Amino acid sequence: MPHQTTITERGSFAVARCSCGWTGPARRSRDRARTDAESHGSPDPTPSAD
């Protein structure tokens, strides 16, 4: 199931939330909250085979 993220504002803070129950840290920057949401919804990078 894909993650459905939203940004919620609490006073002067923005918080990323996901339909799976995950909540990101409170940020003063909406852009940082969006970045948190994007990184939560993306798959983990594949480790390099060195």
PDB file of N, CA and C in Angstrom:
ATOM      1  N   MET A   1       0.851  -1.187   0.000  1.00  0.00           N
ATOM      2  CA  MET A   1       0.000   0.000   0.000  1.00  0.00           C
ATOM      3  C   MET A   1       0.893   1.245   0.000  1.00  0.00           C
ATOM      4  N   PRO A   2       0.657   2.181  -0.908  1.00  0.00           N
ATOM      5  CA  PRO A   2       1.481   3.393  -0.942  1.00  0.00           C
ATOM      6  C   PRO A   2       1.187   4.296   0.256  1.00  0.00           C
ATOM      7  N   HIS A   3       2.199   5.019   0.636  1.00  0.00           N
ATOM      8  CA  HIS A   3       2.055   5.960   1.751  1.00  0.00           C
ATOM      9  C   HIS A   3       1.373   7.232   1.258  1.00  0.00           C
ATOM     10  N   GLN A   4       0.385   7.702   1.994  1.00  0.00           N
ATOM     11  CA  GLN A   4      -0.326   8.944   1.682  1.00  0.00           C
ATOM     12  C   GLN A   4       0.086   9.976   2.730  1.00  0.00           C
ATOM     13  N   THR A   5       0.972  10.892   2.365  1.00  0.00           N
ATOM     14  CA  THR A   5       1.468  11.874   3.316  1.00  0.00           C
ATOM     15  C   THR A   5       0.755  13.209   3.157  1.00  0.00           C
ATOM     16  N   THR A   6       0.639  13.919   4.263  1.00  0.00           N
ATOM     17  CA  THR A   6       0.068  15.260   4.280  1.00  0.00           C
ATOM     18  C   THR A   6       0.930  16.130   5.191  1.00  0.00           C
ATOM     19  N   ILE A   7       0.781  17.425   5.028  1.00  0.00           N
ATOM     20  CA  ILE A   7       1.454  18.386   5.900  1.00  0.00           C
ATOM     21  C   ILE A   7       0.380  19.085   6.707  1.00  0.00           C
ATOM     22  N   THR A   8       0.530  19.061   8.024  1.00  0.00           N
ATOM     23  CA  THR A   8      -0.416  19.713   8.927  1.00  0.00           C
ATOM     24  C   THR A   8       0.298  20.845   9.646  1.00  0.00           C
ATOM     25  N   GLU A   9      -0.383  21.965   9.798  1.00  0.00           N
ATOM     26  CA  GLU A   9       0.225  23.092  10.506  1.00  0.00           C
ATOM     27  C   GLU A   9      -0.312  23.168  11.926  1.00  0.00           C
ATOM     28  N   ARG A  10       0.615  23.361  12.867  1.00  0.00           N
ATOM     29  CA  ARG A  10       0.285  23.570  14.275  1.00  0.00           C
ATOM     30  C   ARG A  10       0.949  24.867  14.698  1.00  0.00           C
ATOM     31  N   GLY A  11       0.193  25.935  14.713  1.00  0.00           N
ATOM     32  CA  GLY A  11       0.787  27.239  15.032  1.00  0.00           C
ATOM     33  C   GLY A  11       1.813  27.605  13.976  1.00  0.00           C
ATOM     34  N   SER A  12       3.051  27.862  14.407  1.00  0.00           N
ATOM     35  CA  SER A  12       4.102  28.228  13.448  1.00  0.00           C
ATOM     36  C   SER A  12       4.915  27.015  12.986  1.00  0.00           C
ATOM     37  N   PHE A  13       4.450  25.814  13.305  1.00  0.00           N
ATOM     38  CA  PHE A  13       5.161  24.603  12.930  1.00  0.00           C
ATOM     39  C   PHE A  13       4.382  23.805  11.891  1.00  0.00           C
ATOM     40  N   ALA A  14       5.110  23.095  11.036  1.00  0.00           N
ATOM     41  CA  ALA A  14       4.515  22.193  10.053  1.00  0.00           C
ATOM     42  C   ALA A  14       4.955  20.774  10.404  1.00  0.00           C
ATOM     43  N   VAL A  15       4.028  19.817  10.311  1.00  0.00           N
ATOM     44  CA  VAL A  15       4.307  18.430  10.662  1.00  0.00           C
ATOM     45  C   VAL A  15       3.874  17.548   9.501  1.00  0.00           C
ATOM     46  N   ALA A  16       4.761  16.641   9.092  1.00  0.00           N
ATOM     47  CA  ALA A  16       4.423  15.660   8.062  1.00  0.00           C
ATOM     48  C   ALA A  16       3.752  14.476   8.747  1.00  0.00           C
ATOM     49  N   ARG A  17       2.661  13.987   8.141  1.00  0.00           N
ATOM     50  CA  ARG A  17       1.940  12.823   8.666  1.00  0.00           C
ATOM     51  C   ARG A  17       1.684  11.865   7.527  1.00  0.00           C
ATOM     52  N   CYS A  18       1.554  10.577   7.885  1.00  0.00           N
ATOM     53  CA  CYS A  18       1.328   9.550   6.881  1.00  0.00           C
ATOM     54  C   CYS A  18       0.136   8.688   7.278  1.00  0.00           C
ATOM     55  N   SER A  19      -0.504   8.096   6.270  1.00  0.00           N
ATOM     56  CA  SER A  19      -1.651   7.225   6.517  1.00  0.00           C
ATOM     57  C   SER A  19      -1.263   5.967   7.301  1.00  0.00           C
ATOM     58  N   CYS A  20       0.032   5.610   7.342  1.00  0.00           N
ATOM     59  CA  CYS A  20       0.474   4.424   8.082  1.00  0.00           C
ATOM     60  C   CYS A  20       0.628   4.702   9.577  1.00  0.00           C
ATOM     61  N   GLY A  21       0.485   5.974   9.982  1.00  0.00           N
ATOM     62  CA  GLY A  21       0.607   6.326  11.394  1.00  0.00           C
ATOM     63  C   GLY A  21       1.894   7.073  11.725  1.00  0.00           C
ATOM     64  N   TRP A  22       2.822   7.138  10.791  1.00  0.00           N
ATOM     65  CA  TRP A  22       4.083   7.839  11.007  1.00  0.00           C
ATOM     66  C   TRP A  22       3.838   9.336  11.116  1.00  0.00           C
ATOM     67  N   THR A  23       4.584  10.001  12.004  1.00  0.00           N
ATOM     68  CA  THR A  23       4.554  11.453  12.138  1.00  0.00           C
ATOM     69  C   THR A  23       5.981  11.957  12.188  1.00  0.00           C
ATOM     70  N   GLY A  24       6.298  12.923  11.354  1.00  0.00           N
ATOM     71  CA  GLY A  24       7.634  13.501  11.340  1.00  0.00           C
ATOM     72  C   GLY A  24       7.788  14.543  12.434  1.00  0.00           C
ATOM     73  N   PRO A  25       8.994  15.049  12.588  1.00  0.00           N
ATOM     74  CA  PRO A  25       9.224  16.090  13.603  1.00  0.00           C
ATOM     75  C   PRO A  25       8.574  17.410  13.199  1.00  0.00           C
ATOM     76  N   ALA A  26       8.252  18.225  14.180  1.00  0.00           N
ATOM     77  CA  ALA A  26       7.693  19.556  13.915  1.00  0.00           C
ATOM     78  C   ALA A  26       8.794  20.436  13.338  1.00  0.00           C
ATOM     79  N   ARG A  27       8.483  21.115  12.262  1.00  0.00           N
ATOM     80  CA  ARG A  27       9.464  21.969  11.575  1.00  0.00           C
ATOM     81  C   ARG A  27       8.905  23.380  11.431  1.00  0.00           C
ATOM     82  N   ARG A  28       9.756  24.371  11.527  1.00  0.00           N
ATOM     83  CA  ARG A  28       9.328  25.740  11.244  1.00  0.00           C
ATOM     84  C   ARG A  28       9.236  25.967   9.753  1.00  0.00           C
ATOM     85  N   SER A  29       9.943  25.171   8.986  1.00  0.00           N
ATOM     86  CA  SER A  29       9.952  25.296   7.530  1.00  0.00           C
ATOM     87  C   SER A  29       9.006  24.279   6.904  1.00  0.00           C
ATOM     88  N   ARG A  30       8.035  24.750   6.133  1.00  0.00           N
ATOM     89  CA  ARG A  30       7.128  23.832   5.427  1.00  0.00           C
ATOM     90  C   ARG A  30       7.907  22.969   4.438  1.00  0.00           C
ATOM     91  N   ASP A  31       8.933  23.558   3.819  1.00  0.00           N
ATOM     92  CA  ASP A  31       9.741  22.818   2.857  1.00  0.00           C
ATOM     93  C   ASP A  31      10.446  21.637   3.523  1.00  0.00           C
ATOM     94  N   ARG A  32      10.969  21.827   4.721  1.00  0.00           N
ATOM     95  CA  ARG A  32      11.616  20.718   5.445  1.00  0.00           C
ATOM     96  C   ARG A  32      10.595  19.643   5.795  1.00  0.00           C
ATOM     97  N   ALA A  33       9.390  20.031   6.165  1.00  0.00           N
ATOM     98  CA  ALA A  33       8.335  19.058   6.467  1.00  0.00           C
ATOM     99  C   ALA A  33       7.979  18.268   5.207  1.00  0.00           C
ATOM    100  N   ARG A  34       7.920  18.936   4.050  1.00  0.00           N
ATOM    101  CA  ARG A  34       7.654  18.237   2.782  1.00  0.00           C
ATOM    102  C   ARG A  34       8.764  17.246   2.469  1.00  0.00           C
ATOM    103  N   THR A  35      10.012  17.650   2.721  1.00  0.00           N
ATOM    104  CA  THR A  35      11.149  16.765   2.490  1.00  0.00           C
ATOM    105  C   THR A  35      11.063  15.538   3.392  1.00  0.00           C
ATOM    106  N   ASP A  36      10.676  15.733   4.650  1.00  0.00           N
ATOM    107  CA  ASP A  36      10.480  14.605   5.568  1.00  0.00           C
ATOM    108  C   ASP A  36       9.442  13.643   5.006  1.00  0.00           C
ATOM    109  N   ALA A  37       8.339  14.182   4.512  1.00  0.00           N
ATOM    110  CA  ALA A  37       7.258  13.348   3.965  1.00  0.00           C
ATOM    111  C   ALA A  37       7.726  12.590   2.732  1.00  0.00           C
ATOM    112  N   GLU A  38       8.469  13.261   1.854  1.00  0.00           N
ATOM    113  CA  GLU A  38       8.963  12.607   0.637  1.00  0.00           C
ATOM    114  C   GLU A  38       9.939  11.485   0.973  1.00  0.00           C
ATOM    115  N   SER A  39      10.827  11.725   1.928  1.00  0.00           N
ATOM    116  CA  SER A  39      11.809  10.696   2.271  1.00  0.00           C
ATOM    117  C   SER A  39      11.148   9.527   3.000  1.00  0.00           C
ATOM    118  N   HIS A  40      10.062   9.779   3.718  1.00  0.00           N
ATOM    119  CA  HIS A  40       9.344   8.682   4.379  1.00  0.00           C
ATOM    120  C   HIS A  40       8.665   7.780   3.360  1.00  0.00           C
ATOM    121  N   GLY A  41       8.086   8.364   2.341  1.00  0.00           N
ATOM    122  CA  GLY A  41       7.343   7.599   1.344  1.00  0.00           C
ATOM    123  C   GLY A  41       8.200   6.910   0.309  1.00  0.00           C
ATOM    124  N   SER A  42       9.493   7.279   0.208  1.00  0.00           N
ATOM    125  CA  SER A  42      10.348   6.665  -0.800  1.00  0.00           C
ATOM    126  C   SER A  42      10.965   5.381  -0.254  1.00  0.00           C
ATOM    127  N   PRO A  43      11.222   4.422  -1.128  1.00  0.00           N
ATOM    128  CA  PRO A  43      11.839   3.172  -0.671  1.00  0.00           C
ATOM    129  C   PRO A  43      13.267   3.403  -0.209  1.00  0.00           C
ATOM    130  N   ASP A  44      13.755   2.530   0.659  1.00  0.00           N
ATOM    131  CA  ASP A  44      15.133   2.634   1.124  1.00  0.00           C
ATOM    132  C   ASP A  44      16.083   2.418  -0.046  1.00  0.00           C
ATOM    133  N   PRO A  45      17.161   3.194  -0.101  1.00  0.00           N
ATOM    134  CA  PRO A  45      18.098   3.005  -1.208  1.00  0.00           C
ATOM    135  C   PRO A  45      18.773   1.629  -1.098  1.00  0.00           C
ATOM    136  N   THR A  46      19.076   1.057  -2.243  1.00  0.00           N
ATOM    137  CA  THR A  46      19.748  -0.239  -2.268  1.00  0.00           C
ATOM    138  C   THR A  46      21.214  -0.039  -1.935  1.00  0.00           C
ATOM    139  N   PRO A  47      21.720  -0.792  -0.948  1.00  0.00           N
ATOM    140  CA  PRO A  47      23.137  -0.637  -0.614  1.00  0.00           C
ATOM    141  C   PRO A  47      24.028  -1.053  -1.787  1.00  0.00           C
ATOM    142  N   SER A  48      25.132  -0.359  -1.951  1.00  0.00           N
ATOM    143  CA  SER A  48      26.033  -0.696  -3.047  1.00  0.00           C
ATOM    144  C   SER A  48      26.779  -1.983  -2.718  1.00  0.00           C
ATOM    145  N   ALA A  49      27.029  -2.792  -3.719  1.00  0.00           N
ATOM    146  CA  ALA A  49      27.738  -4.056  -3.539  1.00  0.00           C
ATOM    147  C   ALA A  49      29.217  -3.831  -3.786  1.00  0.00           C
ATOM    148  N   ASP A  50      29.939  -3.479  -2.758  1.00  0.00           N
ATOM    149  CA  ASP A  50      31.398  -3.236  -2.874  1.00  0.00           C
ATOM    150  C   ASP A  50      32.170  -4.416  -2.357  1.00  0.00           C
TER     151      ASP A  50
END
